[in-house]
Protein backbone atom coordinates (compact mmCIF):
# COMPACT_ATOMS: atom_id res chain seq x y z
CA MET A 1 33.79 -27.37 4.15
CA ALA A 2 36.81 -25.93 2.39
CA GLU A 3 38.00 -22.51 3.42
CA ALA A 4 40.14 -19.95 1.70
CA VAL A 5 43.24 -18.57 3.39
CA PHE A 6 42.44 -14.97 4.33
CA ARG A 7 45.14 -12.34 4.46
CA ALA A 8 45.48 -9.57 7.01
CA PRO A 9 43.28 -6.57 6.11
CA LYS A 10 44.61 -3.10 5.47
CA ARG A 11 43.82 -0.68 8.29
CA LYS A 12 42.80 2.90 7.52
CA ARG A 13 45.29 5.63 8.35
CA ARG A 14 42.76 7.85 10.12
CA VAL A 15 40.10 6.30 12.31
CA TYR A 16 37.63 8.70 13.88
CA GLU A 17 35.43 6.17 15.69
CA SER A 18 35.95 3.80 18.58
CA TYR A 19 35.18 0.14 18.14
CA GLU A 20 32.32 -1.30 20.20
CA SER A 21 31.32 -4.89 20.76
CA PRO A 22 28.94 -6.08 18.05
CA LEU A 23 25.29 -6.92 18.58
CA PRO A 24 23.27 -8.32 20.12
CA MET A 25 24.97 -6.92 23.24
CA PRO A 26 28.06 -7.31 25.45
CA LEU A 27 27.61 -9.90 28.19
CA GLY A 28 26.38 -8.51 31.49
CA GLN A 29 25.66 -4.98 30.22
CA GLY A 30 22.10 -3.67 30.21
CA GLU A 31 18.94 -5.28 28.97
CA PHE A 32 18.34 -7.07 25.72
CA ARG A 33 16.83 -4.57 23.28
CA ILE A 34 14.50 -5.26 20.39
CA PHE A 35 14.97 -2.66 17.66
CA ARG A 36 12.09 -1.53 15.49
CA ALA A 37 12.22 -1.14 11.71
CA GLU A 38 9.65 -0.57 8.97
CA MET A 39 9.41 -2.04 5.51
CA VAL A 40 8.74 0.75 3.02
CA ASP A 41 8.66 0.19 -0.74
CA GLY A 42 10.80 -2.94 -0.57
CA SER A 43 13.43 -1.47 1.77
CA VAL A 44 13.87 -1.57 5.54
CA VAL A 45 14.35 1.69 7.46
CA VAL A 46 14.92 2.48 11.13
CA ARG A 47 13.58 5.82 12.37
CA ASN A 48 14.27 5.82 16.12
CA PRO A 49 17.43 7.90 16.74
CA GLU A 50 18.70 5.68 19.56
CA ASP A 51 18.12 2.51 17.53
CA MET A 52 19.91 4.03 14.56
CA GLN A 53 23.01 4.90 16.54
CA ARG A 54 23.24 1.54 18.30
CA LEU A 55 22.75 -0.48 15.13
CA TYR A 56 25.51 1.40 13.39
CA ARG A 57 27.92 1.50 16.32
CA GLN A 58 27.57 -2.17 17.19
CA GLY A 59 28.26 -3.91 13.90
CA CYS A 60 28.04 -1.12 11.29
CA PHE A 61 24.55 -2.19 10.23
CA GLY A 62 22.88 0.04 7.66
CA LYS A 63 23.65 3.47 6.28
CA GLY A 64 22.23 6.93 6.90
CA ILE A 65 20.20 8.09 3.92
CA LEU A 66 21.51 11.68 4.23
CA SER A 67 25.03 10.83 5.40
CA ARG A 68 28.00 9.07 3.86
CA SER A 69 27.78 6.24 6.34
CA ARG A 70 27.05 6.95 10.02
CA PRO A 71 23.59 8.54 10.48
CA ASP A 72 24.78 11.89 11.86
CA PHE A 73 23.24 14.35 9.40
CA THR A 74 22.87 17.92 10.66
CA ILE A 75 21.80 21.09 8.87
CA SER A 76 24.26 23.20 10.85
CA ASP A 77 26.94 25.01 8.84
CA PRO A 78 30.46 23.97 10.00
CA LYS A 79 31.87 27.44 9.29
CA LEU A 80 29.19 29.08 11.40
CA ASP A 81 29.77 26.55 14.17
CA ALA A 82 33.41 27.63 14.27
CA ARG A 83 32.54 31.33 14.14
CA TRP A 84 30.03 31.15 17.00
CA LYS A 85 31.70 28.39 19.01
CA GLU A 86 31.99 30.61 22.09
CA LEU A 87 28.21 30.69 22.51
CA LYS A 88 27.85 26.91 22.99
CA THR A 89 24.14 27.00 22.21
CA GLY A 90 23.82 23.36 21.19
CA MET A 91 21.45 24.40 18.36
CA PRO A 92 21.93 24.17 14.58
CA ILE A 93 23.28 27.39 13.06
CA ILE A 94 22.49 28.09 9.40
CA THR A 95 22.92 31.00 7.03
CA SER A 96 20.11 33.30 6.02
CA GLN A 97 20.34 32.01 2.45
CA THR A 98 19.84 28.44 3.65
CA TYR A 99 16.85 29.48 5.72
CA GLN A 100 15.33 31.32 2.75
CA ARG A 101 15.77 28.21 0.61
CA ARG A 102 13.93 26.08 3.16
CA LEU A 103 11.26 28.74 3.39
CA LYS A 104 10.85 28.54 -0.37
CA TRP A 105 10.42 24.76 -0.14
CA ALA A 106 7.78 25.14 2.58
CA ARG A 107 5.92 27.75 0.52
CA GLU A 108 5.93 25.48 -2.52
CA LEU A 109 4.73 22.58 -0.40
CA LEU A 110 1.75 24.52 0.95
CA ARG A 111 0.86 25.58 -2.59
CA ARG A 112 0.92 21.96 -3.71
CA GLN A 113 -1.56 21.21 -0.93
CA GLY A 114 -4.05 23.54 -2.58
CA LEU A 115 -3.76 26.62 -0.33
CA ASP A 116 -4.18 30.13 -1.67
CA GLU A 117 -1.36 32.70 -1.58
CA GLY A 118 -2.88 34.63 1.31
CA THR A 119 -3.06 31.59 3.54
CA VAL A 120 0.45 30.51 2.57
CA HIS A 121 1.83 33.97 3.38
CA ARG A 122 0.12 34.26 6.76
CA THR A 123 1.00 30.70 7.76
CA LEU A 124 4.71 31.14 7.08
CA GLU A 125 4.81 34.67 8.47
CA ASP A 126 3.47 33.50 11.83
CA TYR A 127 5.47 30.30 11.85
CA THR A 128 8.87 31.85 11.07
CA ALA A 129 8.64 34.88 13.36
CA PRO A 130 11.66 35.42 15.67
CA LEU A 131 11.36 33.49 18.93
CA GLU A 132 12.85 33.72 22.37
CA PRO A 133 15.64 31.17 22.79
CA PRO A 134 14.84 28.60 25.47
CA TRP A 135 17.71 29.82 27.67
CA ALA A 136 17.08 33.57 27.23
CA ARG A 137 15.83 35.86 30.00
CA SER A 138 12.14 36.69 30.04
CA GLY A 139 11.35 39.75 27.97
CA ASP A 140 14.22 39.21 25.50
CA ALA A 141 12.10 37.69 22.73
CA GLY A 142 13.14 38.75 19.28
CA ARG A 143 16.64 39.72 20.37
CA GLY A 144 19.60 38.16 18.65
CA TYR A 145 23.22 37.33 19.32
CA GLU A 146 25.63 39.87 17.91
CA GLU A 147 28.75 38.67 16.16
CA PRO A 148 31.41 37.75 18.76
CA ASN A 149 34.13 40.27 19.46
CA PRO A 150 37.62 38.75 19.13
CA GLU A 151 38.70 40.60 22.30
CA SER A 152 35.74 39.65 24.48
CA ALA A 153 33.17 36.94 24.91
CA SER A 154 29.91 37.16 23.00
CA GLN A 155 26.94 38.76 24.65
CA ILE A 156 23.27 39.11 23.84
CA GLY A 157 22.76 42.21 21.77
CA SER A 158 19.68 44.31 21.05
CA PRO A 159 19.45 45.32 17.38
CA SER A 160 17.56 48.42 16.42
CA GLY A 161 14.84 46.36 14.80
CA THR A 162 13.93 42.81 14.01
CA GLU A 163 14.44 41.93 10.38
CA GLU A 164 11.49 40.13 8.86
CA LEU A 165 11.95 37.43 6.27
CA PRO A 166 10.68 38.42 2.83
CA MET A 167 7.24 37.00 2.16
CA ASN A 168 4.86 37.06 -0.74
CA ASN A 169 2.19 39.73 -0.54
CA GLY A 170 -1.18 38.47 0.55
CA ASP A 171 -2.60 40.49 3.41
CA SER A 172 -6.26 40.17 2.41
CA GLN A 173 -8.37 37.56 4.15
CA GLU A 174 -9.29 35.00 1.52
CA PRO A 175 -12.37 32.79 1.73
CA GLY A 176 -11.55 29.69 3.68
CA ALA A 177 -8.26 31.12 5.01
CA LEU A 178 -7.09 30.18 8.47
CA GLY A 179 -7.69 32.93 10.98
CA GLU A 180 -5.76 32.12 14.14
CA PRO A 181 -1.97 31.73 14.14
CA ALA A 182 -2.29 28.41 15.94
CA GLU A 183 -4.51 27.09 13.17
CA ARG A 184 -2.12 28.28 10.48
CA ALA A 185 0.86 26.72 12.22
CA ASP A 186 -1.12 23.50 12.39
CA LEU A 187 -0.50 23.09 8.68
CA LEU A 188 3.23 22.84 9.36
CA GLN A 189 2.88 20.70 12.47
CA GLY A 190 0.60 17.97 11.19
CA GLY A 191 -2.75 19.34 12.27
CA PRO A 192 -6.15 17.75 11.76
CA GLU A 193 -6.61 19.20 8.30
CA GLN A 194 -6.08 16.61 5.59
CA HIS A 195 -4.63 17.87 2.34
CA PRO A 196 -4.00 16.07 -0.94
CA PRO A 197 -0.61 14.33 -0.98
CA ALA A 198 2.09 16.30 -2.71
CA PRO A 199 3.67 14.79 -5.83
CA ASN A 200 7.30 13.88 -6.41
CA GLY A 201 7.77 12.51 -2.92
CA TRP A 202 7.21 15.81 -1.10
CA ASP A 203 4.82 14.13 1.31
CA LYS A 204 7.44 11.61 2.43
CA LEU A 205 9.74 14.12 4.12
CA THR A 206 9.57 14.67 7.86
CA CYS A 207 12.00 16.31 10.17
CA ALA A 208 12.98 13.96 12.95
CA THR A 209 16.66 14.66 12.29
CA PRO A 210 18.83 12.68 14.73
CA GLY A 211 21.94 14.73 14.17
CA SER A 212 24.82 15.31 16.52
CA ARG A 213 23.02 18.37 17.91
CA PRO A 214 20.08 17.97 20.29
CA ARG A 215 16.64 19.14 19.29
CA VAL A 216 15.44 22.06 21.38
CA PRO A 217 11.69 22.07 22.03
CA SER A 218 9.80 25.34 21.93
CA HIS A 219 8.50 27.12 25.03
CA ASP A 220 4.94 25.99 24.34
CA ALA A 221 5.70 22.34 23.58
CA GLN A 222 3.58 19.88 25.45
CA PRO A 223 5.38 17.91 28.17
CA GLY A 224 6.13 14.30 27.48
CA ILE A 225 6.43 14.77 23.70
CA SER A 226 9.83 14.16 22.16
CA GLY A 227 11.55 16.88 20.18
CA LEU A 228 9.97 16.01 16.86
CA HIS A 229 8.53 18.62 14.54
CA THR A 230 6.89 17.98 11.22
CA SER A 231 6.45 20.48 8.44
CA ILE A 232 4.03 18.28 6.51
CA LEU A 233 1.71 15.36 6.93
CA ARG A 234 3.50 12.07 6.38
CA HIS A 235 1.30 9.13 5.39
CA GLY A 236 -1.51 10.62 7.49
CA GLU A 237 0.40 10.27 10.76
CA ARG A 238 -0.09 12.82 13.52
CA ARG A 239 2.98 14.27 15.19
CA GLY A 240 3.36 16.22 18.38
CA PRO A 241 3.48 20.04 18.40
CA ALA A 242 7.10 20.20 19.50
CA GLU A 243 9.29 22.13 17.08
CA GLU A 244 12.79 22.19 15.70
CA LEU A 245 14.46 25.51 16.39
CA VAL A 246 17.45 26.85 14.49
CA LEU A 247 19.69 29.89 14.81
CA VAL A 248 19.80 31.96 11.62
CA GLU A 249 22.78 34.22 10.97
CA GLU A 250 21.43 37.50 9.60
CA ASP A 251 23.22 40.60 8.34
CA LEU A 252 22.42 43.83 10.21
CA ARG A 253 23.46 46.12 7.34
CA ASP A 254 20.86 47.84 5.19
CA GLY A 255 21.09 48.34 1.44
CA SER A 256 23.05 51.62 1.73
CA GLU A 257 25.93 50.03 3.66
CA GLN A 258 27.15 47.47 1.16
CA ASP A 259 30.81 48.50 1.51
CA SER A 260 30.86 48.54 5.30
CA GLU A 261 32.16 45.76 7.50
CA PRO A 262 29.50 43.04 7.86
CA GLN A 263 27.76 42.89 11.24
CA ARG A 264 25.95 39.67 11.94
CA ARG A 265 23.65 38.30 14.60
CA LEU A 266 21.87 35.05 15.36
CA VAL A 267 18.08 34.97 15.48
CA CYS A 268 16.13 32.00 16.81
CA ARG A 269 13.41 30.81 14.43
CA ARG A 270 11.40 27.71 13.67
CA ASN A 271 12.70 25.54 10.86
CA PRO A 272 9.93 25.66 8.23
CA TYR A 273 11.07 22.63 6.24
CA SER A 274 13.17 19.82 7.65
CA ILE A 275 14.24 16.48 6.23
CA SER A 276 14.57 13.41 8.40
CA GLU A 277 17.57 11.12 8.65
CA HIS A 278 16.78 7.40 8.58
CA LEU A 279 19.00 4.35 8.80
CA GLN A 280 18.46 2.14 5.77
CA LEU A 281 19.21 -1.54 6.21
CA SER A 282 19.87 -3.90 3.35
CA LEU A 283 17.51 -6.86 3.20
CA GLU A 284 20.35 -9.18 4.23
CA GLU A 285 21.21 -7.01 7.24
CA ALA A 286 17.58 -6.79 8.34
CA PHE A 287 17.03 -10.54 8.09
CA PHE A 288 20.28 -11.31 9.92
CA LEU A 289 19.26 -9.04 12.80
CA ALA A 290 15.79 -10.58 12.95
CA TYR A 291 16.64 -14.25 12.30
CA ALA A 292 20.20 -14.84 13.51
CA LEU A 293 20.39 -12.31 16.38
CA GLY A 294 16.70 -11.94 17.20
CA CYS A 295 17.07 -8.24 18.04
CA LEU A 296 15.05 -6.62 15.24
CA SER A 297 11.31 -6.49 14.64
CA VAL A 298 10.26 -5.42 11.13
CA TYR A 299 6.80 -3.88 10.75
CA SER A 300 4.64 -3.58 7.67
CA GLU A 301 1.52 -1.41 7.99
CA LYS A 302 1.89 -1.38 11.80
CA GLU A 303 1.98 -5.17 12.01
CA PRO A 304 5.17 -7.09 12.90
CA LEU A 305 6.28 -9.64 10.33
CA THR A 306 7.26 -13.18 11.25
CA ILE A 307 10.49 -14.81 10.10
CA MET A 308 8.64 -16.74 7.39
CA GLN A 309 6.87 -13.60 6.21
CA LEU A 310 10.18 -11.75 6.07
CA TRP A 311 11.80 -14.58 4.09
CA LYS A 312 9.00 -14.53 1.52
CA ALA A 313 8.71 -10.74 1.36
CA PHE A 314 12.45 -10.22 0.92
CA SER A 315 12.65 -13.00 -1.68
CA THR A 316 9.88 -11.28 -3.63
CA ALA A 317 11.44 -7.83 -3.37
CA GLN A 318 14.91 -9.09 -4.36
CA PRO A 319 15.11 -12.23 -6.53
CA THR A 320 18.69 -12.98 -5.45
CA PHE A 321 17.97 -12.50 -1.75
CA ARG A 322 18.19 -16.17 -0.73
CA THR A 323 21.59 -16.65 -2.32
CA THR A 324 23.09 -13.40 -1.07
CA TYR A 325 21.72 -13.87 2.43
CA MET A 326 23.24 -17.33 2.80
CA ALA A 327 26.64 -15.89 1.93
CA TYR A 328 26.01 -12.86 4.15
CA HIS A 329 25.10 -15.13 7.08
CA HIS A 330 28.21 -17.23 6.47
CA PHE A 331 30.64 -14.30 6.47
CA ARG A 332 28.96 -12.49 9.37
CA SER A 333 29.25 -15.65 11.42
CA LYS A 334 32.99 -15.68 10.70
CA GLY A 335 33.42 -12.12 12.05
CA TRP A 336 33.43 -10.15 8.79
CA VAL A 337 31.21 -7.14 8.09
CA PRO A 338 29.70 -7.66 4.60
CA LYS A 339 28.49 -4.69 2.61
CA VAL A 340 27.00 -4.34 -0.85
CA GLY A 341 29.72 -4.59 -3.50
CA LEU A 342 27.82 -3.06 -6.40
CA LYS A 343 30.32 -0.23 -6.93
CA TYR A 344 33.06 -2.79 -7.69
CA GLY A 345 30.89 -5.09 -9.79
CA THR A 346 30.51 -7.82 -7.16
CA ASP A 347 27.85 -9.00 -4.72
CA LEU A 348 29.55 -8.28 -1.40
CA LEU A 349 32.55 -6.52 0.11
CA LEU A 350 34.14 -7.94 3.26
CA TYR A 351 35.44 -5.60 5.98
CA ARG A 352 37.16 -6.40 9.22
CA LYS A 353 35.26 -4.68 12.09
CA GLY A 354 33.60 -2.33 9.59
CA PRO A 355 34.20 0.37 6.95
CA PRO A 356 35.28 3.03 9.50
CA PHE A 357 38.27 0.93 10.61
CA TYR A 358 39.56 -1.09 7.64
CA HIS A 359 39.44 -1.04 3.88
CA ALA A 360 37.52 -3.87 2.27
CA SER A 361 39.70 -6.94 1.90
CA TYR A 362 37.68 -9.03 -0.54
CA SER A 363 35.20 -8.58 -3.35
CA VAL A 364 32.80 -11.52 -3.30
CA VAL A 365 30.86 -13.09 -6.17
CA ILE A 366 28.16 -15.55 -5.01
CA GLU A 367 26.80 -18.50 -6.97
CA MET A 368 24.44 -21.36 -6.11
CA VAL A 369 25.55 -24.73 -7.56
CA ASN A 370 24.93 -28.41 -7.00
CA GLU A 371 27.41 -30.94 -5.68
CA ARG A 372 28.97 -31.25 -9.17
CA PHE A 373 29.41 -27.45 -9.35
CA GLN A 374 26.71 -27.19 -12.00
CA GLY A 375 23.61 -25.08 -12.12
CA SER A 376 21.99 -21.99 -13.56
CA LEU A 377 24.66 -19.44 -12.67
CA HIS A 378 23.48 -15.98 -11.74
CA ARG A 379 26.58 -14.47 -13.34
CA PRO A 380 28.17 -16.73 -15.96
CA PHE A 381 31.72 -15.56 -16.62
CA SER A 382 33.71 -15.60 -19.81
CA TRP A 383 37.48 -15.44 -19.67
CA LYS A 384 37.30 -11.83 -20.75
CA SER A 385 34.75 -10.71 -18.12
CA LEU A 386 36.53 -12.68 -15.39
CA ALA A 387 39.88 -11.08 -16.26
CA ALA A 388 38.27 -7.63 -16.25
CA LEU A 389 36.68 -8.16 -12.83
CA SER A 390 39.95 -9.50 -11.45
CA ARG A 391 41.82 -6.45 -12.76
CA VAL A 392 39.28 -4.09 -11.15
CA SER A 393 39.66 -5.85 -7.79
CA VAL A 394 43.46 -5.65 -7.96
CA ASN A 395 43.39 -1.96 -8.85
CA VAL A 396 41.34 -1.18 -5.71
CA SER A 397 43.63 -3.31 -3.49
CA LYS A 398 41.17 -6.15 -3.01
CA GLU A 399 41.15 -9.83 -3.75
CA LEU A 400 38.43 -11.48 -5.78
CA LEU A 401 36.66 -14.22 -3.84
CA LEU A 402 34.28 -16.69 -5.49
CA CYS A 403 31.77 -18.03 -2.97
CA TYR A 404 29.97 -21.19 -4.10
CA LEU A 405 26.88 -22.27 -2.17
CA ILE A 406 26.61 -26.03 -2.68
CA LYS A 407 23.05 -27.27 -2.63
CA PRO A 408 22.42 -31.03 -2.21
CA GLU A 409 20.85 -32.61 -5.27
CA THR A 410 18.24 -34.27 -3.07
CA MET A 411 16.95 -30.92 -1.77
CA ALA A 412 13.56 -30.00 -3.23
CA ASP A 413 12.63 -26.48 -4.24
CA GLN A 414 9.94 -26.41 -1.54
CA GLU A 415 12.64 -26.62 1.12
CA MET A 416 14.05 -23.30 -0.12
CA GLU A 417 10.84 -21.59 1.03
CA SER A 418 12.16 -21.60 4.60
CA PRO A 419 15.42 -20.23 6.05
CA GLU A 420 15.98 -23.64 7.65
CA CYS A 421 17.33 -24.77 4.26
CA MET A 422 20.65 -23.13 5.18
CA LYS A 423 21.41 -26.08 7.45
CA HIS A 424 21.95 -28.25 4.37
CA ILE A 425 24.00 -25.76 2.36
CA LYS A 426 27.79 -26.06 2.15
CA VAL A 427 30.13 -23.22 1.26
CA GLN A 428 33.21 -23.37 -0.97
CA GLU A 429 35.48 -20.31 -1.07
CA VAL A 430 37.92 -19.76 -3.92
CA ILE A 431 40.31 -16.81 -4.11
CA LEU A 432 41.08 -15.83 -7.68
CA SER A 433 44.50 -14.32 -8.40
CA ARG A 434 45.81 -13.02 -11.70
CA TRP A 435 48.92 -14.83 -12.81
CA VAL A 436 51.75 -12.47 -13.80
CA SER A 437 54.53 -14.23 -15.67
CA SER A 438 57.22 -11.66 -14.87
CA ARG A 439 56.46 -11.89 -11.17
CA GLU A 440 56.59 -15.68 -11.37
CA ARG A 441 60.06 -15.56 -12.98
CA SER A 442 61.38 -13.18 -10.33
CA ASP A 443 60.09 -15.43 -7.58
CA GLN A 444 61.91 -18.37 -9.16
CA ASP A 445 65.13 -16.38 -9.40
CA GLU A 446 64.95 -15.58 -5.67
CA LEU A 447 64.63 -19.27 -4.89
């Protein structure tokens, strides 16, 4: 097997994460863990917060769907976190405008489920009423935190009245409306009522948000249920009645005091509409974890898939999966962290340790050929397209690497139906560099 000569990668100037030993696990530390993932619409997602963090920390596997990279999405406003940092509540803090926007989404969702305006109004009115914070003294329900005084620590204040969120009018009891508050809140917590699925993907959003802030269960949450709250029914699954609480910054001024100094307070409320953070694995990453490391179990319709089923399912979902996975397996085995290279017009990008620590060193183009370097190329290059791709790679401080997977001519197509075919595949790496005549002349002059 011929190998290319790799150059030292370029380290990032600012690194905000600490490097951990890659999976499956460091020797002699803890028990071997099998992570759980689900195959949804041709993609593989991980929902468990602990699994998500470990998969990303130990090998930079996957990407958070609501985050740039690490799955650490939180709805909390950074400016409000800094303003109220003395309180140290450990809860998400959002503005009143953000809360109203989420309330609007929840109202629209309930309408899409076929509920009348009266039921929608009463459901949200009961569900978003001010609550007693979990750490507050008994009898302080509905009281908020006043804005901190620069000269003294913040204390719990008692406003003259509790501001209610604006709701649509609908006080009359409509036929078929829900009577008890617990029944109305059941609509937002995944109760027994089954409603038609909402269009445009509304029914696929849940709110198990594994952000950097812990989820605070409500005072009436059942013991033994994790801090998950759902504002809608997702694929018919039932969720526990635990809730996600947020602190909403509200303005204490009335309409006649627009020119006065703003006075704010924090009010604890239920989040009416939350979106979940999931870790999305590429098909190559998922198969490497399941096949090479044996630490991932992929489920489809609540049934775990075998290695052969995964190989066939991934090959069907992505026609180039077999070729890209062989190259992915090769580079992962050599210590690189491969990522999708679509944004630079290639198949893979190679990182040392991972994207948080180093810039990508190589842009990889993968091709399957026979022993005479012939075959139906996935990406046939012309001199013009090859020069353009090389120029793009140079401009982003990367080298263009051509990875040829050499398949024996005696190998039948049936053997490609199993991942065991990789034992017979050889790899040829070629680094492509653009020849610059002026640079060549200067190098000769130095000699």
